[in-house]
């Protein structure tokens, strides 16, 4: 593949990462005045983690688009497993530490994953290479 073949994919990756960062930042900024310090920290952590996991999962998925079906399904399962592991790890940390901002962290993480997943399909379609 030539450099031009990769440009729609790279633009989609960059745009999706920027949109997810805006969603995460918007959630934190909008909620900031309504939360106490521990909840602010929980939401900020959820936003950062959700952004990293979603952007990374999207890159893996996009780079395996058009590959043999088995590779694409594996890439999709990697993203699914990454989100599941992050949520389970967050539950384990919150349950063990009983942190004050734990509920906000878990709710923020689940909500941000959901919203970012809803937006993902738009950028997935834009990543098509022109033939």
N, C-alpha and C. Protein backbone atom coordinates (compact mmCIF):
# COMPACT_ATOMS: atom_id res chain seq x y z
N UNK A 1 0.83 -1.19 0.00
CA UNK A 1 0.00 0.00 0.00
C UNK A 1 0.87 1.25 0.00
N UNK A 2 0.38 2.23 -0.69
CA UNK A 2 1.11 3.48 -0.73
C UNK A 2 0.71 4.37 0.43
N UNK A 3 1.44 5.45 0.56
CA UNK A 3 1.15 6.40 1.65
C UNK A 3 -0.26 6.97 1.52
N UNK A 4 -0.72 7.19 0.28
CA UNK A 4 -2.05 7.74 0.07
C UNK A 4 -3.13 6.77 0.53
N UNK A 5 -2.87 5.46 0.44
CA UNK A 5 -3.84 4.46 0.87
C UNK A 5 -4.09 4.54 2.37
N UNK A 6 -3.12 4.99 3.11
CA UNK A 6 -3.25 5.04 4.57
C UNK A 6 -3.87 6.34 5.06
N UNK A 7 -3.91 7.37 4.24
CA UNK A 7 -4.35 8.67 4.74
C UNK A 7 -5.79 8.69 5.24
N UNK A 8 -6.78 8.05 4.61
CA UNK A 8 -8.12 8.07 5.20
C UNK A 8 -8.17 7.38 6.56
N UNK A 9 -7.40 6.32 6.69
CA UNK A 9 -7.36 5.61 7.98
C UNK A 9 -6.72 6.48 9.07
N UNK A 10 -5.62 7.10 8.72
CA UNK A 10 -4.93 7.93 9.71
C UNK A 10 -5.76 9.15 10.09
N UNK A 11 -6.42 9.74 9.11
CA UNK A 11 -7.30 10.88 9.43
C UNK A 11 -8.44 10.43 10.33
N UNK A 12 -9.02 9.27 10.05
CA UNK A 12 -10.11 8.77 10.89
C UNK A 12 -9.60 8.48 12.31
N UNK A 13 -8.42 7.90 12.42
CA UNK A 13 -7.84 7.63 13.74
C UNK A 13 -7.63 8.92 14.52
N UNK A 14 -7.03 9.91 13.85
CA UNK A 14 -6.76 11.19 14.52
C UNK A 14 -8.05 11.91 14.90
N UNK A 15 -9.00 11.93 13.99
CA UNK A 15 -10.27 12.61 14.28
C UNK A 15 -11.03 11.91 15.40
N UNK A 16 -11.04 10.58 15.38
CA UNK A 16 -11.73 9.85 16.44
C UNK A 16 -11.06 10.12 17.79
N UNK A 17 -9.75 10.11 17.81
CA UNK A 17 -9.03 10.39 19.06
C UNK A 17 -9.35 11.79 19.57
N UNK A 18 -9.42 12.76 18.66
CA UNK A 18 -9.75 14.13 19.06
C UNK A 18 -11.19 14.25 19.56
N UNK A 19 -12.11 13.59 18.89
CA UNK A 19 -13.51 13.64 19.32
C UNK A 19 -13.66 12.96 20.68
N UNK A 20 -13.00 11.84 20.88
CA UNK A 20 -13.06 11.16 22.18
C UNK A 20 -12.43 12.02 23.28
N UNK A 21 -11.35 12.70 22.96
CA UNK A 21 -10.74 13.61 23.94
C UNK A 21 -11.70 14.75 24.27
N UNK A 22 -12.40 15.26 23.27
CA UNK A 22 -13.38 16.32 23.51
C UNK A 22 -14.55 15.82 24.35
N UNK A 23 -15.00 14.60 24.09
CA UNK A 23 -16.08 14.02 24.89
C UNK A 23 -15.64 13.87 26.34
N UNK A 24 -14.43 13.34 26.54
CA UNK A 24 -13.91 13.14 27.89
C UNK A 24 -13.73 14.48 28.61
N UNK A 25 -13.13 15.43 27.93
CA UNK A 25 -12.91 16.75 28.55
C UNK A 25 -14.24 17.44 28.82
N UNK A 26 -15.17 17.32 27.89
CA UNK A 26 -16.48 17.93 28.08
C UNK A 26 -17.22 17.35 29.28
N UNK A 27 -17.13 16.04 29.45
CA UNK A 27 -17.78 15.40 30.60
C UNK A 27 -17.20 15.91 31.90
N UNK A 28 -15.88 16.01 31.95
CA UNK A 28 -15.23 16.48 33.17
C UNK A 28 -15.56 17.95 33.43
N UNK A 29 -15.44 18.79 32.40
CA UNK A 29 -15.69 20.22 32.59
C UNK A 29 -17.15 20.51 32.93
N UNK A 30 -18.07 19.81 32.27
CA UNK A 30 -19.49 20.02 32.56
C UNK A 30 -19.84 19.61 33.98
N UNK A 31 -19.27 18.50 34.44
CA UNK A 31 -19.61 17.95 35.76
C UNK A 31 -18.84 18.59 36.91
N UNK A 32 -17.73 19.24 36.61
CA UNK A 32 -16.82 19.77 37.63
C UNK A 32 -17.52 20.57 38.73
N UNK A 33 -18.37 21.54 38.41
CA UNK A 33 -18.97 22.35 39.48
C UNK A 33 -19.94 21.57 40.38
N UNK A 34 -20.40 20.43 39.92
CA UNK A 34 -21.39 19.66 40.68
C UNK A 34 -20.79 18.57 41.54
N UNK A 35 -19.47 18.39 41.47
CA UNK A 35 -18.81 17.29 42.16
C UNK A 35 -17.86 17.81 43.24
N UNK A 36 -17.67 16.99 44.25
CA UNK A 36 -16.66 17.26 45.28
C UNK A 36 -15.31 16.75 44.77
N UNK A 37 -14.26 17.06 45.49
CA UNK A 37 -12.90 16.72 45.06
C UNK A 37 -12.70 15.23 44.75
N UNK A 38 -13.13 14.29 45.61
CA UNK A 38 -12.91 12.88 45.27
C UNK A 38 -13.65 12.44 44.00
N UNK A 39 -14.86 12.96 43.82
CA UNK A 39 -15.62 12.61 42.63
C UNK A 39 -14.99 13.23 41.37
N UNK A 40 -14.44 14.42 41.51
CA UNK A 40 -13.75 15.04 40.38
C UNK A 40 -12.58 14.19 39.93
N UNK A 41 -11.82 13.72 40.91
CA UNK A 41 -10.68 12.85 40.60
C UNK A 41 -11.15 11.56 39.94
N UNK A 42 -12.21 10.97 40.45
CA UNK A 42 -12.74 9.74 39.87
C UNK A 42 -13.17 9.93 38.43
N UNK A 43 -13.86 11.02 38.16
CA UNK A 43 -14.31 11.29 36.80
C UNK A 43 -13.14 11.61 35.88
N UNK A 44 -12.17 12.36 36.37
CA UNK A 44 -10.99 12.67 35.56
C UNK A 44 -10.22 11.40 35.20
N UNK A 45 -10.08 10.50 36.16
CA UNK A 45 -9.41 9.22 35.89
C UNK A 45 -10.20 8.40 34.88
N UNK A 46 -11.52 8.36 35.05
CA UNK A 46 -12.37 7.62 34.12
C UNK A 46 -12.24 8.18 32.71
N UNK A 47 -12.23 9.49 32.60
CA UNK A 47 -12.12 10.13 31.28
C UNK A 47 -10.78 9.80 30.62
N UNK A 48 -9.71 9.87 31.38
CA UNK A 48 -8.39 9.58 30.81
C UNK A 48 -8.28 8.12 30.39
N UNK A 49 -8.73 7.23 31.23
CA UNK A 49 -8.65 5.80 30.92
C UNK A 49 -9.55 5.45 29.73
N UNK A 50 -10.77 5.96 29.74
CA UNK A 50 -11.69 5.68 28.63
C UNK A 50 -11.12 6.19 27.31
N UNK A 51 -10.54 7.37 27.33
CA UNK A 51 -9.96 7.92 26.11
C UNK A 51 -8.82 7.04 25.60
N UNK A 52 -7.92 6.65 26.48
CA UNK A 52 -6.79 5.82 26.06
C UNK A 52 -7.24 4.48 25.51
N UNK A 53 -8.16 3.83 26.21
CA UNK A 53 -8.61 2.50 25.78
C UNK A 53 -9.38 2.60 24.46
N UNK A 54 -10.29 3.57 24.35
CA UNK A 54 -11.08 3.70 23.14
C UNK A 54 -10.21 4.07 21.93
N UNK A 55 -9.34 5.03 22.09
CA UNK A 55 -8.48 5.43 20.97
C UNK A 55 -7.59 4.27 20.55
N UNK A 56 -7.02 3.57 21.50
CA UNK A 56 -6.17 2.42 21.18
C UNK A 56 -6.93 1.29 20.52
N UNK A 57 -8.11 1.00 21.03
CA UNK A 57 -8.94 -0.06 20.43
C UNK A 57 -9.36 0.30 19.01
N UNK A 58 -9.66 1.57 18.80
CA UNK A 58 -10.07 2.01 17.47
C UNK A 58 -8.92 1.87 16.48
N UNK A 59 -7.73 2.22 16.89
CA UNK A 59 -6.56 2.09 16.00
C UNK A 59 -6.35 0.63 15.63
N UNK A 60 -6.43 -0.27 16.61
CA UNK A 60 -6.26 -1.70 16.32
C UNK A 60 -7.34 -2.17 15.35
N UNK A 61 -8.57 -1.74 15.56
CA UNK A 61 -9.67 -2.15 14.71
C UNK A 61 -9.50 -1.62 13.28
N UNK A 62 -9.19 -0.35 13.15
CA UNK A 62 -9.03 0.26 11.83
C UNK A 62 -7.88 -0.38 11.06
N UNK A 63 -6.80 -0.65 11.73
CA UNK A 63 -5.64 -1.21 11.04
C UNK A 63 -5.86 -2.64 10.58
N UNK A 64 -6.88 -3.29 11.12
CA UNK A 64 -7.21 -4.65 10.69
C UNK A 64 -8.44 -4.69 9.79
N UNK A 65 -8.94 -3.53 9.44
CA UNK A 65 -10.07 -3.46 8.53
C UNK A 65 -9.61 -3.88 7.14
N UNK A 66 -10.39 -4.70 6.50
CA UNK A 66 -10.02 -5.17 5.17
C UNK A 66 -9.09 -6.37 5.21
N UNK A 67 -8.64 -6.73 6.39
CA UNK A 67 -7.81 -7.93 6.51
C UNK A 67 -8.73 -9.14 6.43
N UNK A 68 -8.15 -10.29 6.50
CA UNK A 68 -8.99 -11.49 6.49
C UNK A 68 -9.96 -11.42 7.67
N UNK A 69 -11.15 -12.00 7.53
CA UNK A 69 -12.17 -11.87 8.58
C UNK A 69 -11.70 -12.29 9.97
N UNK A 70 -10.87 -13.31 10.04
CA UNK A 70 -10.38 -13.77 11.33
C UNK A 70 -9.55 -12.72 12.05
N UNK A 71 -8.71 -11.99 11.30
CA UNK A 71 -7.90 -10.93 11.91
C UNK A 71 -8.76 -9.78 12.39
N UNK A 72 -9.77 -9.41 11.61
CA UNK A 72 -10.66 -8.32 12.00
C UNK A 72 -11.44 -8.70 13.26
N UNK A 73 -11.95 -9.90 13.32
CA UNK A 73 -12.70 -10.35 14.50
C UNK A 73 -11.79 -10.37 15.71
N UNK A 74 -10.56 -10.83 15.55
CA UNK A 74 -9.61 -10.81 16.67
C UNK A 74 -9.35 -9.39 17.15
N UNK A 75 -9.20 -8.46 16.21
CA UNK A 75 -8.98 -7.06 16.58
C UNK A 75 -10.19 -6.51 17.33
N UNK A 76 -11.38 -6.84 16.88
CA UNK A 76 -12.60 -6.41 17.55
C UNK A 76 -12.68 -7.00 18.95
N UNK A 77 -12.32 -8.28 19.08
CA UNK A 77 -12.34 -8.94 20.40
C UNK A 77 -11.29 -8.37 21.33
N UNK A 78 -10.16 -7.95 20.80
CA UNK A 78 -9.13 -7.32 21.62
C UNK A 78 -9.67 -6.03 22.24
N UNK A 79 -10.35 -5.22 21.44
CA UNK A 79 -10.95 -3.99 21.96
C UNK A 79 -12.02 -4.28 22.99
N UNK A 80 -12.85 -5.26 22.72
CA UNK A 80 -13.89 -5.66 23.67
C UNK A 80 -13.27 -6.14 24.98
N UNK A 81 -12.25 -6.98 24.87
CA UNK A 81 -11.58 -7.50 26.07
C UNK A 81 -10.88 -6.38 26.85
N UNK A 82 -10.28 -5.44 26.14
CA UNK A 82 -9.60 -4.33 26.81
C UNK A 82 -10.59 -3.52 27.64
N UNK A 83 -11.75 -3.20 27.06
CA UNK A 83 -12.76 -2.46 27.83
C UNK A 83 -13.25 -3.27 29.02
N UNK A 84 -13.49 -4.55 28.82
CA UNK A 84 -13.97 -5.40 29.92
C UNK A 84 -12.94 -5.49 31.04
N UNK A 85 -11.68 -5.68 30.68
CA UNK A 85 -10.62 -5.77 31.69
C UNK A 85 -10.50 -4.46 32.47
N UNK A 86 -10.60 -3.34 31.78
CA UNK A 86 -10.51 -2.04 32.45
C UNK A 86 -11.66 -1.85 33.43
N UNK A 87 -12.87 -2.20 33.02
CA UNK A 87 -14.02 -2.05 33.92
C UNK A 87 -13.89 -2.99 35.11
N UNK A 88 -13.50 -4.23 34.88
CA UNK A 88 -13.33 -5.18 35.98
C UNK A 88 -12.22 -4.73 36.92
N UNK A 89 -11.12 -4.24 36.37
CA UNK A 89 -10.03 -3.74 37.22
C UNK A 89 -10.50 -2.54 38.04
N UNK A 90 -11.27 -1.64 37.43
CA UNK A 90 -11.78 -0.49 38.17
C UNK A 90 -12.71 -0.94 39.29
N UNK A 91 -13.55 -1.92 39.03
CA UNK A 91 -14.44 -2.45 40.07
C UNK A 91 -13.62 -3.04 41.20
N UNK A 92 -12.57 -3.80 40.86
CA UNK A 92 -11.73 -4.42 41.88
C UNK A 92 -11.03 -3.36 42.74
N UNK A 93 -10.51 -2.32 42.10
CA UNK A 93 -9.82 -1.26 42.84
C UNK A 93 -10.80 -0.53 43.75
N UNK A 94 -11.95 -0.19 43.22
CA UNK A 94 -12.94 0.54 44.01
C UNK A 94 -13.43 -0.32 45.17
N UNK A 95 -13.67 -1.61 44.93
CA UNK A 95 -14.15 -2.50 45.98
C UNK A 95 -13.10 -2.69 47.07
N UNK A 96 -11.84 -2.77 46.67
CA UNK A 96 -10.78 -3.01 47.64
C UNK A 96 -10.43 -1.74 48.41
N UNK A 97 -10.38 -0.63 47.73
CA UNK A 97 -9.96 0.62 48.36
C UNK A 97 -11.11 1.40 48.97
N UNK A 98 -12.34 1.11 48.53
CA UNK A 98 -13.52 1.83 49.01
C UNK A 98 -13.32 3.34 48.94
N UNK A 99 -12.85 3.79 47.79
CA UNK A 99 -12.58 5.21 47.61
C UNK A 99 -13.88 6.00 47.53
N UNK A 100 -13.81 7.25 47.92
CA UNK A 100 -14.99 8.11 47.91
C UNK A 100 -15.47 8.40 46.50
N UNK A 101 -14.58 8.55 45.57
CA UNK A 101 -14.96 8.85 44.20
C UNK A 101 -15.15 7.61 43.35
N UNK A 102 -15.23 6.46 43.97
CA UNK A 102 -15.33 5.19 43.25
C UNK A 102 -16.57 5.06 42.39
N UNK A 103 -17.71 5.46 42.94
CA UNK A 103 -18.95 5.35 42.17
C UNK A 103 -18.90 6.26 40.95
N UNK A 104 -18.35 7.44 41.12
CA UNK A 104 -18.23 8.37 39.99
C UNK A 104 -17.27 7.81 38.95
N UNK A 105 -16.19 7.20 39.39
CA UNK A 105 -15.24 6.59 38.47
C UNK A 105 -15.92 5.50 37.65
N UNK A 106 -16.65 4.61 38.30
CA UNK A 106 -17.29 3.50 37.60
C UNK A 106 -18.39 3.98 36.66
N UNK A 107 -19.23 4.88 37.13
CA UNK A 107 -20.29 5.41 36.28
C UNK A 107 -19.73 6.22 35.12
N UNK A 108 -18.71 7.01 35.40
CA UNK A 108 -18.08 7.79 34.34
C UNK A 108 -17.43 6.90 33.30
N UNK A 109 -16.74 5.87 33.75
CA UNK A 109 -16.07 4.95 32.84
C UNK A 109 -17.08 4.26 31.93
N UNK A 110 -18.13 3.71 32.51
CA UNK A 110 -19.14 3.02 31.72
C UNK A 110 -19.84 3.97 30.75
N UNK A 111 -20.19 5.16 31.23
CA UNK A 111 -20.88 6.13 30.38
C UNK A 111 -19.99 6.61 29.25
N UNK A 112 -18.74 6.91 29.55
CA UNK A 112 -17.83 7.39 28.51
C UNK A 112 -17.55 6.31 27.48
N UNK A 113 -17.37 5.07 27.92
CA UNK A 113 -17.20 3.98 26.95
C UNK A 113 -18.42 3.90 26.04
N UNK A 114 -19.60 3.99 26.62
CA UNK A 114 -20.84 3.90 25.83
C UNK A 114 -20.92 5.02 24.80
N UNK A 115 -20.71 6.24 25.23
CA UNK A 115 -20.80 7.38 24.32
C UNK A 115 -19.74 7.30 23.23
N UNK A 116 -18.52 6.95 23.62
CA UNK A 116 -17.44 6.86 22.63
C UNK A 116 -17.69 5.72 21.63
N UNK A 117 -18.30 4.64 22.09
CA UNK A 117 -18.63 3.56 21.17
C UNK A 117 -19.72 3.97 20.19
N UNK A 118 -20.67 4.78 20.64
CA UNK A 118 -21.71 5.27 19.74
C UNK A 118 -21.12 6.12 18.62
N UNK A 119 -20.11 6.90 18.94
CA UNK A 119 -19.49 7.79 17.96
C UNK A 119 -18.54 7.02 17.03
N UNK A 120 -18.04 5.89 17.49
CA UNK A 120 -17.02 5.15 16.74
C UNK A 120 -17.46 4.78 15.32
N UNK A 121 -18.70 4.40 15.14
CA UNK A 121 -19.14 3.94 13.82
C UNK A 121 -18.99 5.02 12.75
N UNK A 122 -19.21 6.27 13.13
CA UNK A 122 -19.07 7.36 12.15
C UNK A 122 -17.64 7.44 11.61
N UNK A 123 -16.66 7.30 12.48
CA UNK A 123 -15.26 7.39 12.06
C UNK A 123 -14.78 6.09 11.44
N UNK A 124 -15.41 5.00 11.80
CA UNK A 124 -15.08 3.72 11.18
C UNK A 124 -15.45 3.76 9.70
N UNK A 125 -16.61 4.33 9.38
CA UNK A 125 -17.04 4.45 7.98
C UNK A 125 -16.13 5.42 7.21
N UNK A 126 -15.66 6.47 7.87
CA UNK A 126 -14.81 7.46 7.20
C UNK A 126 -13.42 6.91 6.90
N UNK A 127 -13.05 5.80 7.52
CA UNK A 127 -11.72 5.25 7.34
C UNK A 127 -11.58 4.42 6.07
N UNK A 128 -12.65 4.30 5.32
CA UNK A 128 -12.59 3.53 4.07
C UNK A 128 -11.56 4.15 3.12
N UNK A 129 -10.81 3.31 2.51
CA UNK A 129 -9.86 3.81 1.52
C UNK A 129 -10.58 3.95 0.19
N UNK A 130 -10.23 4.95 -0.53
CA UNK A 130 -10.84 5.15 -1.86
C UNK A 130 -10.15 4.25 -2.86
N UNK A 131 -10.96 3.61 -3.70
CA UNK A 131 -10.39 2.69 -4.70
C UNK A 131 -10.60 3.20 -6.09
